PDB file of N, CA and C in Angstrom:
ATOM      1  N   MET A   1     -10.594 -38.528 -20.226  1.00  0.00           N
ATOM      2  CA  MET A   1     -11.220 -37.558 -19.351  1.00  0.00           C
ATOM      3  C   MET A   1     -10.400 -36.278 -19.414  1.00  0.00           C
ATOM      4  N   SER A   2     -11.056 -35.187 -19.671  1.00  0.00           N
ATOM      5  CA  SER A   2     -10.353 -33.911 -19.680  1.00  0.00           C
ATOM      6  C   SER A   2     -10.484 -33.242 -18.317  1.00  0.00           C
ATOM      7  N   SER A   3      -9.553 -32.368 -18.023  1.00  0.00           N
ATOM      8  CA  SER A   3      -9.577 -31.699 -16.724  1.00  0.00           C
ATOM      9  C   SER A   3     -10.697 -30.671 -16.679  1.00  0.00           C
ATOM     10  N   PRO A   4     -11.240 -30.433 -15.486  1.00  0.00           N
ATOM     11  CA  PRO A   4     -12.257 -29.395 -15.337  1.00  0.00           C
ATOM     12  C   PRO A   4     -11.689 -28.038 -15.758  1.00  0.00           C
ATOM     13  N   ILE A   5     -12.492 -27.233 -16.385  1.00  0.00           N
ATOM     14  CA  ILE A   5     -12.064 -25.945 -16.949  1.00  0.00           C
ATOM     15  C   ILE A   5     -11.386 -25.045 -15.919  1.00  0.00           C
ATOM     16  N   GLN A   6     -11.850 -25.044 -14.671  1.00  0.00           N
ATOM     17  CA  GLN A   6     -11.276 -24.141 -13.668  1.00  0.00           C
ATOM     18  C   GLN A   6      -9.885 -24.579 -13.215  1.00  0.00           C
ATOM     19  N   LEU A   7      -9.447 -25.784 -13.588  1.00  0.00           N
ATOM     20  CA  LEU A   7      -8.122 -26.262 -13.194  1.00  0.00           C
ATOM     21  C   LEU A   7      -7.093 -26.160 -14.309  1.00  0.00           C
ATOM     22  N   ARG A   8      -7.526 -26.022 -15.530  1.00  0.00           N
ATOM     23  CA  ARG A   8      -6.623 -26.049 -16.677  1.00  0.00           C
ATOM     24  C   ARG A   8      -5.586 -24.936 -16.627  1.00  0.00           C
ATOM     25  N   ASN A   9      -4.368 -25.322 -16.985  1.00  0.00           N
ATOM     26  CA  ASN A   9      -3.238 -24.378 -17.088  1.00  0.00           C
ATOM     27  C   ASN A   9      -2.912 -23.666 -15.786  1.00  0.00           C
ATOM     28  N   ARG A  10      -3.184 -24.300 -14.660  1.00  0.00           N
ATOM     29  CA  ARG A  10      -2.864 -23.714 -13.362  1.00  0.00           C
ATOM     30  C   ARG A  10      -1.849 -24.598 -12.656  1.00  0.00           C
ATOM     31  N   GLY A  11      -0.815 -24.010 -12.110  1.00  0.00           N
ATOM     32  CA  GLY A  11       0.179 -24.733 -11.335  1.00  0.00           C
ATOM     33  C   GLY A  11       0.941 -25.760 -12.148  1.00  0.00           C
ATOM     34  N   SER A  12       1.704 -26.582 -11.454  1.00  0.00           N
ATOM     35  CA  SER A  12       2.483 -27.626 -12.115  1.00  0.00           C
ATOM     36  C   SER A  12       1.741 -28.957 -12.161  1.00  0.00           C
ATOM     37  N   ALA A  13       0.666 -29.082 -11.361  1.00  0.00           N
ATOM     38  CA  ALA A  13      -0.140 -30.302 -11.367  1.00  0.00           C
ATOM     39  C   ALA A  13      -1.547 -29.986 -10.887  1.00  0.00           C
ATOM     40  N   GLN A  14      -2.503 -30.745 -11.413  1.00  0.00           N
ATOM     41  CA  GLN A  14      -3.898 -30.613 -11.011  1.00  0.00           C
ATOM     42  C   GLN A  14      -4.415 -32.004 -10.665  1.00  0.00           C
ATOM     43  N   VAL A  15      -5.249 -32.063  -9.644  1.00  0.00           N
ATOM     44  CA  VAL A  15      -5.822 -33.325  -9.177  1.00  0.00           C
ATOM     45  C   VAL A  15      -7.321 -33.097  -9.031  1.00  0.00           C
ATOM     46  N   TRP A  16      -8.120 -34.061  -9.497  1.00  0.00           N
ATOM     47  CA  TRP A  16      -9.563 -33.924  -9.339  1.00  0.00           C
ATOM     48  C   TRP A  16     -10.211 -35.290  -9.270  1.00  0.00           C
ATOM     49  N   THR A  17     -11.435 -35.310  -8.767  1.00  0.00           N
ATOM     50  CA  THR A  17     -12.201 -36.547  -8.664  1.00  0.00           C
ATOM     51  C   THR A  17     -13.417 -36.465  -9.571  1.00  0.00           C
ATOM     52  N   ALA A  18     -13.912 -37.638  -9.934  1.00  0.00           N
ATOM     53  CA  ALA A  18     -15.139 -37.743 -10.723  1.00  0.00           C
ATOM     54  C   ALA A  18     -15.934 -38.912 -10.159  1.00  0.00           C
ATOM     55  N   PRO A  19     -17.233 -38.731  -9.945  1.00  0.00           N
ATOM     56  CA  PRO A  19     -18.036 -39.829  -9.389  1.00  0.00           C
ATOM     57  C   PRO A  19     -18.255 -40.936 -10.419  1.00  0.00           C
ATOM     58  N   LEU A  20     -18.255 -42.166  -9.942  1.00  0.00           N
ATOM     59  CA  LEU A  20     -18.547 -43.321 -10.787  1.00  0.00           C
ATOM     60  C   LEU A  20     -19.956 -43.817 -10.489  1.00  0.00           C
ATOM     61  N   SER A  21     -20.518 -44.557 -11.383  1.00  0.00           N
ATOM     62  CA  SER A  21     -21.907 -45.029 -11.216  1.00  0.00           C
ATOM     63  C   SER A  21     -22.060 -45.996 -10.046  1.00  0.00           C
ATOM     64  N   ASN A  22     -20.975 -46.616  -9.593  1.00  0.00           N
ATOM     65  CA  ASN A  22     -21.062 -47.550  -8.468  1.00  0.00           C
ATOM     66  C   ASN A  22     -20.933 -46.857  -7.111  1.00  0.00           C
ATOM     67  N   GLY A  23     -20.915 -45.524  -7.103  1.00  0.00           N
ATOM     68  CA  GLY A  23     -20.834 -44.764  -5.861  1.00  0.00           C
ATOM     69  C   GLY A  23     -19.418 -44.436  -5.417  1.00  0.00           C
ATOM     70  N   LYS A  24     -18.435 -44.981  -6.096  1.00  0.00           N
ATOM     71  CA  LYS A  24     -17.044 -44.682  -5.771  1.00  0.00           C
ATOM     72  C   LYS A  24     -16.584 -43.486  -6.600  1.00  0.00           C
ATOM     73  N   ALA A  25     -15.353 -43.054  -6.366  1.00  0.00           N
ATOM     74  CA  ALA A  25     -14.816 -41.905  -7.093  1.00  0.00           C
ATOM     75  C   ALA A  25     -13.550 -42.297  -7.844  1.00  0.00           C
ATOM     76  N   LEU A  26     -13.357 -41.667  -8.975  1.00  0.00           N
ATOM     77  CA  LEU A  26     -12.157 -41.828  -9.773  1.00  0.00           C
ATOM     78  C   LEU A  26     -11.252 -40.632  -9.488  1.00  0.00           C
ATOM     79  N   LEU A  27      -9.968 -40.875  -9.254  1.00  0.00           N
ATOM     80  CA  LEU A  27      -8.998 -39.810  -9.026  1.00  0.00           C
ATOM     81  C   LEU A  27      -8.186 -39.614 -10.292  1.00  0.00           C
ATOM     82  N   ALA A  28      -8.110 -38.388 -10.772  1.00  0.00           N
ATOM     83  CA  ALA A  28      -7.321 -38.067 -11.957  1.00  0.00           C
ATOM     84  C   ALA A  28      -6.235 -37.070 -11.570  1.00  0.00           C
ATOM     85  N   ILE A  29      -5.041 -37.256 -12.143  1.00  0.00           N
ATOM     86  CA  ILE A  29      -3.913 -36.365 -11.897  1.00  0.00           C
ATOM     87  C   ILE A  29      -3.331 -35.950 -13.231  1.00  0.00           C
ATOM     88  N   SER A  30      -3.127 -34.657 -13.393  1.00  0.00           N
ATOM     89  CA  SER A  30      -2.468 -34.123 -14.578  1.00  0.00           C
ATOM     90  C   SER A  30      -1.247 -33.349 -14.108  1.00  0.00           C
ATOM     91  N   ALA A  31      -0.077 -33.762 -14.569  1.00  0.00           N
ATOM     92  CA  ALA A  31       1.166 -33.106 -14.142  1.00  0.00           C
ATOM     93  C   ALA A  31       1.944 -32.622 -15.355  1.00  0.00           C
ATOM     94  N   ARG A  32       2.638 -31.509 -15.207  1.00  0.00           N
ATOM     95  CA  ARG A  32       3.427 -30.919 -16.283  1.00  0.00           C
ATOM     96  C   ARG A  32       4.542 -31.844 -16.738  1.00  0.00           C
ATOM     97  N   ASP A  33       5.169 -32.536 -15.761  1.00  0.00           N
ATOM     98  CA  ASP A  33       6.274 -33.431 -16.079  1.00  0.00           C
ATOM     99  C   ASP A  33       6.456 -34.414 -14.926  1.00  0.00           C
ATOM    100  N   ALA A  34       7.441 -35.296 -15.056  1.00  0.00           N
ATOM    101  CA  ALA A  34       7.692 -36.309 -14.029  1.00  0.00           C
ATOM    102  C   ALA A  34       8.046 -35.677 -12.680  1.00  0.00           C
ATOM    103  N   ALA A  35       8.777 -34.584 -12.691  1.00  0.00           N
ATOM    104  CA  ALA A  35       9.161 -33.918 -11.438  1.00  0.00           C
ATOM    105  C   ALA A  35       7.931 -33.371 -10.714  1.00  0.00           C
ATOM    106  N   ALA A  36       6.969 -32.822 -11.471  1.00  0.00           N
ATOM    107  CA  ALA A  36       5.744 -32.303 -10.860  1.00  0.00           C
ATOM    108  C   ALA A  36       4.928 -33.434 -10.241  1.00  0.00           C
ATOM    109  N   LEU A  37       4.906 -34.571 -10.896  1.00  0.00           N
ATOM    110  CA  LEU A  37       4.202 -35.737 -10.360  1.00  0.00           C
ATOM    111  C   LEU A  37       4.903 -36.263  -9.115  1.00  0.00           C
ATOM    112  N   GLN A  38       6.192 -36.333  -9.139  1.00  0.00           N
ATOM    113  CA  GLN A  38       6.991 -36.792  -7.994  1.00  0.00           C
ATOM    114  C   GLN A  38       6.759 -35.889  -6.778  1.00  0.00           C
ATOM    115  N   ALA A  39       6.595 -34.590  -7.000  1.00  0.00           N
ATOM    116  CA  ALA A  39       6.394 -33.635  -5.901  1.00  0.00           C
ATOM    117  C   ALA A  39       5.089 -33.874  -5.154  1.00  0.00           C
ATOM    118  N   LEU A  40       4.140 -34.594  -5.745  1.00  0.00           N
ATOM    119  CA  LEU A  40       2.849 -34.842  -5.099  1.00  0.00           C
ATOM    120  C   LEU A  40       2.873 -36.000  -4.116  1.00  0.00           C
ATOM    121  N   LEU A  41       3.913 -36.814  -4.139  1.00  0.00           N
ATOM    122  CA  LEU A  41       3.941 -38.016  -3.315  1.00  0.00           C
ATOM    123  C   LEU A  41       3.721 -37.759  -1.824  1.00  0.00           C
ATOM    124  N   ARG A  42       4.336 -36.764  -1.271  1.00  0.00           N
ATOM    125  CA  ARG A  42       4.185 -36.501   0.169  1.00  0.00           C
ATOM    126  C   ARG A  42       2.909 -35.736   0.509  1.00  0.00           C
ATOM    127  N   PRO A  43       2.572 -34.645  -0.188  1.00  0.00           N
ATOM    128  CA  PRO A  43       1.415 -33.862   0.249  1.00  0.00           C
ATOM    129  C   PRO A  43       0.056 -34.451  -0.146  1.00  0.00           C
ATOM    130  N   LEU A  44      -0.041 -35.134  -1.260  1.00  0.00           N
ATOM    131  CA  LEU A  44      -1.356 -35.552  -1.771  1.00  0.00           C
ATOM    132  C   LEU A  44      -2.180 -36.391  -0.798  1.00  0.00           C
ATOM    133  N   PRO A  45      -1.625 -37.351  -0.088  1.00  0.00           N
ATOM    134  CA  PRO A  45      -2.445 -38.143   0.838  1.00  0.00           C
ATOM    135  C   PRO A  45      -3.122 -37.330   1.943  1.00  0.00           C
ATOM    136  N   HIS A  46      -2.637 -36.134   2.215  1.00  0.00           N
ATOM    137  CA  HIS A  46      -3.203 -35.297   3.283  1.00  0.00           C
ATOM    138  C   HIS A  46      -4.446 -34.521   2.838  1.00  0.00           C
ATOM    139  N   TYR A  47      -4.815 -34.624   1.585  1.00  0.00           N
ATOM    140  CA  TYR A  47      -5.953 -33.879   1.057  1.00  0.00           C
ATOM    141  C   TYR A  47      -7.092 -34.803   0.644  1.00  0.00           C
ATOM    142  N   GLY A  48      -7.261 -35.916   1.332  1.00  0.00           N
ATOM    143  CA  GLY A  48      -8.231 -36.938   0.962  1.00  0.00           C
ATOM    144  C   GLY A  48      -9.677 -36.498   0.869  1.00  0.00           C
ATOM    145  N   ARG A  49     -10.068 -35.452   1.544  1.00  0.00           N
ATOM    146  CA  ARG A  49     -11.465 -35.017   1.507  1.00  0.00           C
ATOM    147  C   ARG A  49     -11.737 -33.933   0.474  1.00  0.00           C
ATOM    148  N   GLN A  50     -10.724 -33.545  -0.264  1.00  0.00           N
ATOM    149  CA  GLN A  50     -10.888 -32.501  -1.280  1.00  0.00           C
ATOM    150  C   GLN A  50     -11.341 -33.120  -2.609  1.00  0.00           C
ATOM    151  N   SER A  51     -12.115 -32.379  -3.375  1.00  0.00           N
ATOM    152  CA  SER A  51     -12.565 -32.836  -4.693  1.00  0.00           C
ATOM    153  C   SER A  51     -11.576 -32.463  -5.777  1.00  0.00           C
ATOM    154  N   TRP A  52     -10.869 -31.361  -5.579  1.00  0.00           N
ATOM    155  CA  TRP A  52      -9.899 -30.904  -6.573  1.00  0.00           C
ATOM    156  C   TRP A  52      -8.797 -30.097  -5.898  1.00  0.00           C
ATOM    157  N   LEU A  53      -7.612 -30.128  -6.532  1.00  0.00           N
ATOM    158  CA  LEU A  53      -6.449 -29.412  -6.004  1.00  0.00           C
ATOM    159  C   LEU A  53      -5.601 -28.900  -7.158  1.00  0.00           C
ATOM    160  N   VAL A  54      -4.917 -27.798  -6.911  1.00  0.00           N
ATOM    161  CA  VAL A  54      -3.924 -27.269  -7.839  1.00  0.00           C
ATOM    162  C   VAL A  54      -2.628 -27.138  -7.050  1.00  0.00           C
ATOM    163  N   PHE A  55      -1.551 -27.721  -7.588  1.00  0.00           N
ATOM    164  CA  PHE A  55      -0.251 -27.698  -6.919  1.00  0.00           C
ATOM    165  C   PHE A  55       0.775 -26.940  -7.737  1.00  0.00           C
ATOM    166  N   ASP A  56       1.701 -26.302  -7.040  1.00  0.00           N
ATOM    167  CA  ASP A  56       2.924 -25.784  -7.636  1.00  0.00           C
ATOM    168  C   ASP A  56       4.029 -26.510  -6.901  1.00  0.00           C
ATOM    169  N   GLY A  57       4.593 -27.528  -7.529  1.00  0.00           N
ATOM    170  CA  GLY A  57       5.520 -28.406  -6.825  1.00  0.00           C
ATOM    171  C   GLY A  57       4.754 -29.150  -5.749  1.00  0.00           C
ATOM    172  N   ALA A  58       5.250 -29.116  -4.514  1.00  0.00           N
ATOM    173  CA  ALA A  58       4.588 -29.794  -3.397  1.00  0.00           C
ATOM    174  C   ALA A  58       3.606 -28.889  -2.652  1.00  0.00           C
ATOM    175  N   LYS A  59       3.503 -27.624  -3.058  1.00  0.00           N
ATOM    176  CA  LYS A  59       2.637 -26.666  -2.368  1.00  0.00           C
ATOM    177  C   LYS A  59       1.270 -26.594  -3.038  1.00  0.00           C
ATOM    178  N   ALA A  60       0.214 -26.775  -2.246  1.00  0.00           N
ATOM    179  CA  ALA A  60      -1.153 -26.647  -2.748  1.00  0.00           C
ATOM    180  C   ALA A  60      -1.473 -25.161  -2.910  1.00  0.00           C
ATOM    181  N   LEU A  61      -1.780 -24.748  -4.128  1.00  0.00           N
ATOM    182  CA  LEU A  61      -2.136 -23.351  -4.402  1.00  0.00           C
ATOM    183  C   LEU A  61      -3.618 -23.099  -4.202  1.00  0.00           C
ATOM    184  N   ASP A  62      -4.428 -24.108  -4.509  1.00  0.00           N
ATOM    185  CA  ASP A  62      -5.879 -23.948  -4.427  1.00  0.00           C
ATOM    186  C   ASP A  62      -6.493 -25.323  -4.241  1.00  0.00           C
ATOM    187  N   ARG A  63      -7.648 -25.376  -3.620  1.00  0.00           N
ATOM    188  CA  ARG A  63      -8.333 -26.642  -3.384  1.00  0.00           C
ATOM    189  C   ARG A  63      -9.804 -26.371  -3.148  1.00  0.00           C
ATOM    190  N   GLY A  64     -10.591 -27.414  -3.253  1.00  0.00           N
ATOM    191  CA  GLY A  64     -12.014 -27.229  -3.020  1.00  0.00           C
ATOM    192  C   GLY A  64     -12.789 -28.529  -3.070  1.00  0.00           C
ATOM    193  N   ILE A  65     -14.075 -28.393  -2.813  1.00  0.00           N
ATOM    194  CA  ILE A  65     -14.993 -29.527  -2.827  1.00  0.00           C
ATOM    195  C   ILE A  65     -16.093 -29.204  -3.829  1.00  0.00           C
ATOM    196  N   TRP A  66     -16.361 -30.135  -4.735  1.00  0.00           N
ATOM    197  CA  TRP A  66     -17.436 -29.926  -5.710  1.00  0.00           C
ATOM    198  C   TRP A  66     -18.748 -29.711  -4.976  1.00  0.00           C
ATOM    199  N   THR A  67     -19.597 -28.885  -5.522  1.00  0.00           N
ATOM    200  CA  THR A  67     -20.922 -28.700  -4.935  1.00  0.00           C
ATOM    201  C   THR A  67     -21.738 -29.958  -5.181  1.00  0.00           C
ATOM    202  N   ALA A  68     -22.597 -30.267  -4.250  1.00  0.00           N
ATOM    203  CA  ALA A  68     -23.431 -31.471  -4.372  1.00  0.00           C
ATOM    204  C   ALA A  68     -24.428 -31.297  -5.509  1.00  0.00           C
ATOM    205  N   ARG A  69     -24.619 -32.371  -6.237  1.00  0.00           N
ATOM    206  CA  ARG A  69     -25.606 -32.346  -7.317  1.00  0.00           C
ATOM    207  C   ARG A  69     -26.962 -32.702  -6.759  1.00  0.00           C
ATOM    208  N   ALA A  70     -27.967 -32.040  -7.256  1.00  0.00           N
ATOM    209  CA  ALA A  70     -29.335 -32.318  -6.817  1.00  0.00           C
ATOM    210  C   ALA A  70     -29.737 -33.720  -7.268  1.00  0.00           C
ATOM    211  N   VAL A  71     -30.383 -34.425  -6.375  1.00  0.00           N
ATOM    212  CA  VAL A  71     -30.878 -35.765  -6.683  1.00  0.00           C
ATOM    213  C   VAL A  71     -32.368 -35.661  -6.912  1.00  0.00           C
ATOM    214  N   SER A  72     -32.811 -36.249  -7.964  1.00  0.00           N
ATOM    215  CA  SER A  72     -34.233 -36.222  -8.291  1.00  0.00           C
ATOM    216  C   SER A  72     -34.887 -37.517  -7.814  1.00  0.00           C
ATOM    217  N   TRP A  73     -35.927 -37.384  -7.027  1.00  0.00           N
ATOM    218  CA  TRP A  73     -36.671 -38.542  -6.545  1.00  0.00           C
ATOM    219  C   TRP A  73     -38.015 -38.568  -7.239  1.00  0.00           C
ATOM    220  N   ARG A  74     -38.409 -39.742  -7.620  1.00  0.00           N
ATOM    221  CA  ARG A  74     -39.717 -39.890  -8.283  1.00  0.00           C
ATOM    222  C   ARG A  74     -40.514 -40.955  -7.525  1.00  0.00           C
ATOM    223  N   PHE A  75     -41.688 -40.550  -7.045  1.00  0.00           N
ATOM    224  CA  PHE A  75     -42.552 -41.474  -6.311  1.00  0.00           C
ATOM    225  C   PHE A  75     -43.830 -41.664  -7.112  1.00  0.00           C
ATOM    226  N   GLU A  76     -44.224 -42.899  -7.220  1.00  0.00           N
ATOM    227  CA  GLU A  76     -45.462 -43.194  -7.959  1.00  0.00           C
ATOM    228  C   GLU A  76     -46.424 -43.956  -7.110  1.00  0.00           C
TER     229      GLU A  76
END
């Protein structure tokens, strides 16, 4: 899985979610190095409702929620 284009090359770490077919979400984390990943341990649990985040160390630089995708209903 590659990172979303708007998160690439920003901050020391990027976090994003992707929907799974079973209705759950997959969490992906991309960090520059082990120290950047370690810095996420304390702040990351506090952002549970966000779809994506950009961190510089332990500080969140940017965050957001993906826009809802339109659902198509078909009635016959």
